[in-house]
Each structure stands twice: as structure tokens, then as C-alpha cells.
N, C-alpha and C. Protein backbone atom coordinates (compact mmCIF):
# COMPACT_ATOMS: atom_id res chain seq x y z
N MET A 1 -52.01 62.14 18.81
CA MET A 1 -52.84 61.47 19.80
C MET A 1 -53.09 60.01 19.39
N TYR A 2 -53.45 59.81 18.13
CA TYR A 2 -53.73 58.46 17.65
C TYR A 2 -52.50 57.57 17.79
N HIS A 3 -51.33 58.11 17.45
CA HIS A 3 -50.09 57.34 17.55
C HIS A 3 -49.83 56.90 18.99
N SER A 4 -50.06 57.78 19.95
CA SER A 4 -49.87 57.43 21.36
C SER A 4 -50.82 56.32 21.78
N PHE A 5 -52.05 56.38 21.29
CA PHE A 5 -53.03 55.35 21.61
C PHE A 5 -52.56 54.00 21.09
N MET A 6 -52.08 53.96 19.88
CA MET A 6 -51.61 52.70 19.31
C MET A 6 -50.40 52.17 20.09
N THR A 7 -49.53 53.06 20.50
CA THR A 7 -48.37 52.64 21.26
C THR A 7 -48.79 52.01 22.58
N MET A 8 -49.75 52.61 23.27
CA MET A 8 -50.25 52.04 24.53
C MET A 8 -50.93 50.69 24.28
N LYS A 9 -51.69 50.61 23.20
CA LYS A 9 -52.36 49.36 22.85
C LYS A 9 -51.34 48.27 22.55
N GLN A 10 -50.29 48.63 21.84
CA GLN A 10 -49.24 47.66 21.54
C GLN A 10 -48.53 47.21 22.81
N LEU A 11 -48.29 48.14 23.72
CA LEU A 11 -47.67 47.80 25.00
C LEU A 11 -48.57 46.85 25.79
N ASP A 12 -49.86 47.15 25.83
CA ASP A 12 -50.81 46.26 26.52
C ASP A 12 -50.80 44.87 25.90
N ASP A 13 -50.71 44.80 24.57
CA ASP A 13 -50.67 43.50 23.89
C ASP A 13 -49.41 42.73 24.26
N GLN A 14 -48.29 43.43 24.38
CA GLN A 14 -47.05 42.76 24.79
C GLN A 14 -47.18 42.22 26.21
N ILE A 15 -47.78 43.00 27.08
CA ILE A 15 -47.98 42.56 28.46
C ILE A 15 -48.90 41.34 28.49
N ARG A 16 -49.99 41.40 27.73
CA ARG A 16 -50.93 40.27 27.68
C ARG A 16 -50.23 39.01 27.17
N ALA A 17 -49.43 39.14 26.13
CA ALA A 17 -48.72 37.99 25.57
C ALA A 17 -47.78 37.38 26.62
N GLN A 18 -47.10 38.22 27.38
CA GLN A 18 -46.19 37.73 28.42
C GLN A 18 -46.98 37.03 29.53
N ILE A 19 -48.13 37.58 29.89
CA ILE A 19 -48.99 36.97 30.91
C ILE A 19 -49.48 35.60 30.45
N PHE A 20 -49.99 35.53 29.21
CA PHE A 20 -50.50 34.25 28.72
C PHE A 20 -49.39 33.21 28.60
N LYS A 21 -48.20 33.65 28.21
CA LYS A 21 -47.06 32.73 28.14
C LYS A 21 -46.74 32.19 29.54
N ALA A 22 -46.74 33.07 30.53
CA ALA A 22 -46.44 32.66 31.91
C ALA A 22 -47.49 31.68 32.43
N LEU A 23 -48.74 31.88 32.04
CA LEU A 23 -49.82 31.03 32.53
C LEU A 23 -50.01 29.75 31.72
N SER A 24 -49.20 29.57 30.68
CA SER A 24 -49.36 28.40 29.81
C SER A 24 -48.72 27.13 30.38
N ASP A 25 -48.17 27.22 31.57
CA ASP A 25 -47.51 26.08 32.20
C ASP A 25 -48.32 25.62 33.41
N GLU A 26 -48.57 24.32 33.52
CA GLU A 26 -49.38 23.79 34.62
C GLU A 26 -48.77 24.05 35.99
N SER A 27 -47.46 23.99 36.10
CA SER A 27 -46.81 24.26 37.39
C SER A 27 -47.02 25.70 37.82
N ARG A 28 -46.92 26.63 36.87
CA ARG A 28 -47.13 28.04 37.21
C ARG A 28 -48.60 28.30 37.55
N LEU A 29 -49.51 27.63 36.86
CA LEU A 29 -50.93 27.74 37.23
C LEU A 29 -51.15 27.22 38.65
N SER A 30 -50.47 26.15 38.99
CA SER A 30 -50.58 25.59 40.34
C SER A 30 -50.06 26.59 41.38
N ILE A 31 -48.97 27.27 41.06
CA ILE A 31 -48.42 28.29 41.96
C ILE A 31 -49.43 29.41 42.16
N ILE A 32 -50.02 29.89 41.07
CA ILE A 32 -51.01 30.97 41.14
C ILE A 32 -52.21 30.52 41.98
N ARG A 33 -52.69 29.31 41.73
CA ARG A 33 -53.83 28.76 42.47
C ARG A 33 -53.51 28.67 43.97
N THR A 34 -52.33 28.18 44.30
CA THR A 34 -51.92 28.04 45.70
C THR A 34 -51.87 29.39 46.39
N LEU A 35 -51.29 30.38 45.73
CA LEU A 35 -51.22 31.73 46.31
C LEU A 35 -52.60 32.34 46.47
N TYR A 36 -53.45 32.15 45.47
CA TYR A 36 -54.80 32.72 45.52
C TYR A 36 -55.59 32.14 46.70
N TYR A 37 -55.57 30.83 46.84
CA TYR A 37 -56.36 30.21 47.90
C TYR A 37 -55.74 30.37 49.29
N SER A 38 -54.45 30.68 49.35
CA SER A 38 -53.85 30.93 50.66
C SER A 38 -54.30 32.29 51.20
N GLY A 39 -54.59 33.22 50.30
CA GLY A 39 -55.04 34.55 50.70
C GLY A 39 -53.95 35.40 51.32
N LYS A 40 -52.71 34.97 51.22
CA LYS A 40 -51.59 35.72 51.81
C LYS A 40 -50.31 35.36 51.08
N GLU A 41 -49.25 36.08 51.42
CA GLU A 41 -47.96 35.71 50.84
C GLU A 41 -47.46 34.44 51.51
N LEU A 42 -46.71 33.66 50.76
CA LEU A 42 -46.12 32.43 51.28
C LEU A 42 -44.63 32.44 50.96
N SER A 43 -43.86 31.71 51.74
CA SER A 43 -42.44 31.58 51.41
C SER A 43 -42.34 30.74 50.13
N CYS A 44 -41.29 30.97 49.39
CA CYS A 44 -41.09 30.20 48.16
C CYS A 44 -41.03 28.71 48.46
N GLY A 45 -40.42 28.35 49.60
CA GLY A 45 -40.35 26.95 50.01
C GLY A 45 -41.72 26.35 50.25
N GLU A 46 -42.60 27.12 50.91
CA GLU A 46 -43.97 26.64 51.17
C GLU A 46 -44.71 26.39 49.86
N VAL A 47 -44.58 27.32 48.93
CA VAL A 47 -45.26 27.17 47.65
C VAL A 47 -44.73 25.94 46.92
N GLY A 48 -43.41 25.78 46.91
CA GLY A 48 -42.80 24.61 46.27
C GLY A 48 -43.31 23.30 46.85
N GLU A 49 -43.40 23.25 48.18
CA GLU A 49 -43.91 22.04 48.84
C GLU A 49 -45.36 21.78 48.48
N LYS A 50 -46.20 22.81 48.57
CA LYS A 50 -47.63 22.64 48.28
C LYS A 50 -47.88 22.25 46.83
N CYS A 51 -47.01 22.72 45.93
CA CYS A 51 -47.18 22.43 44.50
C CYS A 51 -46.33 21.25 44.04
N ASN A 52 -45.57 20.67 44.97
CA ASN A 52 -44.70 19.54 44.65
C ASN A 52 -43.72 19.87 43.52
N ILE A 53 -43.05 21.01 43.67
CA ILE A 53 -42.07 21.48 42.68
C ILE A 53 -40.72 21.60 43.38
N VAL A 54 -39.68 21.04 42.77
CA VAL A 54 -38.34 21.12 43.35
C VAL A 54 -37.82 22.55 43.30
N LYS A 55 -36.90 22.86 44.20
CA LYS A 55 -36.44 24.24 44.41
C LYS A 55 -35.91 24.91 43.14
N THR A 56 -35.07 24.23 42.39
CA THR A 56 -34.49 24.86 41.20
C THR A 56 -35.55 25.15 40.14
N THR A 57 -36.47 24.22 39.96
CA THR A 57 -37.56 24.44 39.01
C THR A 57 -38.49 25.54 39.50
N ALA A 58 -38.77 25.55 40.79
CA ALA A 58 -39.64 26.57 41.37
C ALA A 58 -39.04 27.96 41.16
N SER A 59 -37.74 28.11 41.33
CA SER A 59 -37.09 29.41 41.14
C SER A 59 -37.32 29.93 39.73
N TYR A 60 -37.21 29.05 38.75
CA TYR A 60 -37.46 29.43 37.36
C TYR A 60 -38.91 29.90 37.18
N HIS A 61 -39.85 29.15 37.74
CA HIS A 61 -41.26 29.51 37.62
C HIS A 61 -41.57 30.82 38.34
N PHE A 62 -41.00 31.03 39.52
CA PHE A 62 -41.21 32.29 40.25
C PHE A 62 -40.70 33.47 39.43
N LYS A 63 -39.56 33.31 38.80
CA LYS A 63 -38.99 34.39 37.98
C LYS A 63 -39.90 34.70 36.80
N THR A 64 -40.39 33.67 36.13
CA THR A 64 -41.28 33.86 34.98
C THR A 64 -42.55 34.60 35.39
N LEU A 65 -43.14 34.19 36.50
CA LEU A 65 -44.37 34.83 36.99
C LEU A 65 -44.11 36.27 37.42
N ARG A 66 -42.98 36.52 38.07
CA ARG A 66 -42.63 37.87 38.51
C ARG A 66 -42.40 38.79 37.30
N GLU A 67 -41.68 38.30 36.30
CA GLU A 67 -41.40 39.10 35.11
C GLU A 67 -42.67 39.42 34.33
N ALA A 68 -43.68 38.57 34.43
CA ALA A 68 -44.96 38.83 33.77
C ALA A 68 -45.84 39.75 34.60
N GLY A 69 -45.38 40.12 35.79
CA GLY A 69 -46.14 41.01 36.65
C GLY A 69 -47.25 40.34 37.43
N LEU A 70 -47.23 39.01 37.48
CA LEU A 70 -48.29 38.26 38.15
C LEU A 70 -48.04 38.04 39.63
N THR A 71 -46.76 38.08 40.02
CA THR A 71 -46.41 37.91 41.43
C THR A 71 -45.38 38.96 41.84
N ALA A 72 -45.26 39.12 43.13
CA ALA A 72 -44.22 39.98 43.70
C ALA A 72 -43.42 39.13 44.68
N THR A 73 -42.15 39.43 44.78
CA THR A 73 -41.27 38.69 45.69
C THR A 73 -40.68 39.66 46.70
N ARG A 74 -40.63 39.21 47.94
CA ARG A 74 -40.06 40.02 49.02
C ARG A 74 -39.07 39.14 49.77
N LYS A 75 -37.92 39.71 50.10
CA LYS A 75 -36.91 38.96 50.85
C LYS A 75 -36.86 39.48 52.27
N ASP A 76 -36.91 38.55 53.22
CA ASP A 76 -36.81 38.87 54.63
C ASP A 76 -35.71 37.99 55.21
N SER A 77 -34.59 38.60 55.51
CA SER A 77 -33.42 37.85 55.98
C SER A 77 -33.01 36.86 54.88
N ARG A 78 -33.11 35.57 55.14
CA ARG A 78 -32.73 34.58 54.13
C ARG A 78 -33.92 33.94 53.44
N THR A 79 -35.11 34.36 53.76
CA THR A 79 -36.32 33.76 53.21
C THR A 79 -36.96 34.69 52.18
N LYS A 80 -37.34 34.11 51.04
CA LYS A 80 -38.07 34.87 50.02
C LYS A 80 -39.55 34.52 50.12
N TYR A 81 -40.37 35.55 50.02
CA TYR A 81 -41.81 35.38 50.05
C TYR A 81 -42.39 35.82 48.72
N VAL A 82 -43.43 35.14 48.31
CA VAL A 82 -44.08 35.46 47.04
C VAL A 82 -45.56 35.71 47.29
N SER A 83 -46.11 36.68 46.57
CA SER A 83 -47.53 37.01 46.68
C SER A 83 -48.07 37.35 45.30
N LEU A 84 -49.38 37.28 45.17
CA LEU A 84 -50.03 37.62 43.91
C LEU A 84 -50.07 39.12 43.71
N ARG A 85 -49.95 39.56 42.47
CA ARG A 85 -50.17 40.95 42.10
C ARG A 85 -51.60 41.01 41.56
N GLU A 86 -52.55 41.10 42.47
CA GLU A 86 -53.95 41.04 42.06
C GLU A 86 -54.32 42.19 41.14
N ASP A 87 -53.60 43.33 41.23
CA ASP A 87 -53.88 44.45 40.33
C ASP A 87 -53.65 44.05 38.88
N THR A 88 -52.63 43.25 38.61
CA THR A 88 -52.37 42.80 37.24
C THR A 88 -53.51 41.91 36.76
N PHE A 89 -53.96 41.00 37.62
CA PHE A 89 -55.07 40.13 37.23
C PHE A 89 -56.34 40.94 36.98
N GLN A 90 -56.61 41.93 37.83
CA GLN A 90 -57.81 42.76 37.66
C GLN A 90 -57.75 43.57 36.37
N THR A 91 -56.57 44.04 36.01
CA THR A 91 -56.42 44.85 34.80
C THR A 91 -56.49 44.02 33.53
N TYR A 92 -55.77 42.90 33.50
CA TYR A 92 -55.63 42.14 32.26
C TYR A 92 -56.46 40.86 32.19
N LEU A 93 -56.84 40.32 33.34
CA LEU A 93 -57.61 39.06 33.37
C LEU A 93 -58.70 39.13 34.43
N PRO A 94 -59.60 40.10 34.33
CA PRO A 94 -60.63 40.21 35.37
C PRO A 94 -61.46 38.92 35.47
N GLY A 95 -61.64 38.45 36.69
CA GLY A 95 -62.43 37.25 36.94
C GLY A 95 -61.65 35.95 36.82
N PHE A 96 -60.41 36.00 36.36
CA PHE A 96 -59.63 34.77 36.14
C PHE A 96 -59.37 34.01 37.44
N LEU A 97 -58.95 34.71 38.47
CA LEU A 97 -58.58 34.03 39.72
C LEU A 97 -59.76 33.26 40.31
N GLU A 98 -60.95 33.78 40.15
CA GLU A 98 -62.13 33.11 40.70
C GLU A 98 -62.44 31.80 39.98
N THR A 99 -61.86 31.59 38.81
CA THR A 99 -62.12 30.36 38.05
C THR A 99 -61.17 29.23 38.41
N LEU A 100 -60.18 29.51 39.24
CA LEU A 100 -59.16 28.48 39.56
C LEU A 100 -59.71 27.42 40.50
């Protein structure tokens, strides 16, 4: 039982480290802030425009945020939409979004 607890704790620490790494960039913080205040999913293009981030750089940031579990991406035809994974924020960073 103790070993399982440590394994879960170690997994949580890995997730936290990935989250903090993803949030350590000002552009990614801007993306999170934009999504939070929009209150809805936005197209990747809309987010890039609002955050003044070029498409290729934005794609990299979206991937980093998605891999950290902070955002979700949905494709509709040729348009990709991104939204916050508020469950991740509530689990690992409760109250964080309200400070943006």
C-alpha cells in the first residue's frame, strides 16, 4: 500500500513539474489568460491574434500546453479549437486562474 502511495505521489510530482514548465513562458501564460477570460473555446487563429503570436510559434505553445494537460484541442473541418482543461487547474493549481 505504501509503495502505491509513493508511486501516485511521484506521478503527481511529474505532472506538476510539467505544468509549471508549461506555465513558465509568458506567451503560454497569455494564451491561458486569453482562454480563461473568453469563457469559451477559441480557434487557434483567434488565440494567436489576441496574444500577438505568429502561427508557427503558437502551434508549439499549444502543443506544450496540451501535453501538460492544461488545454484541449478539437478539430472541426479545417479549424482547430482550443479550450482550457479547468479540471487540471482545479486539481493541481486551485485558484490560479482567478489570479490572472
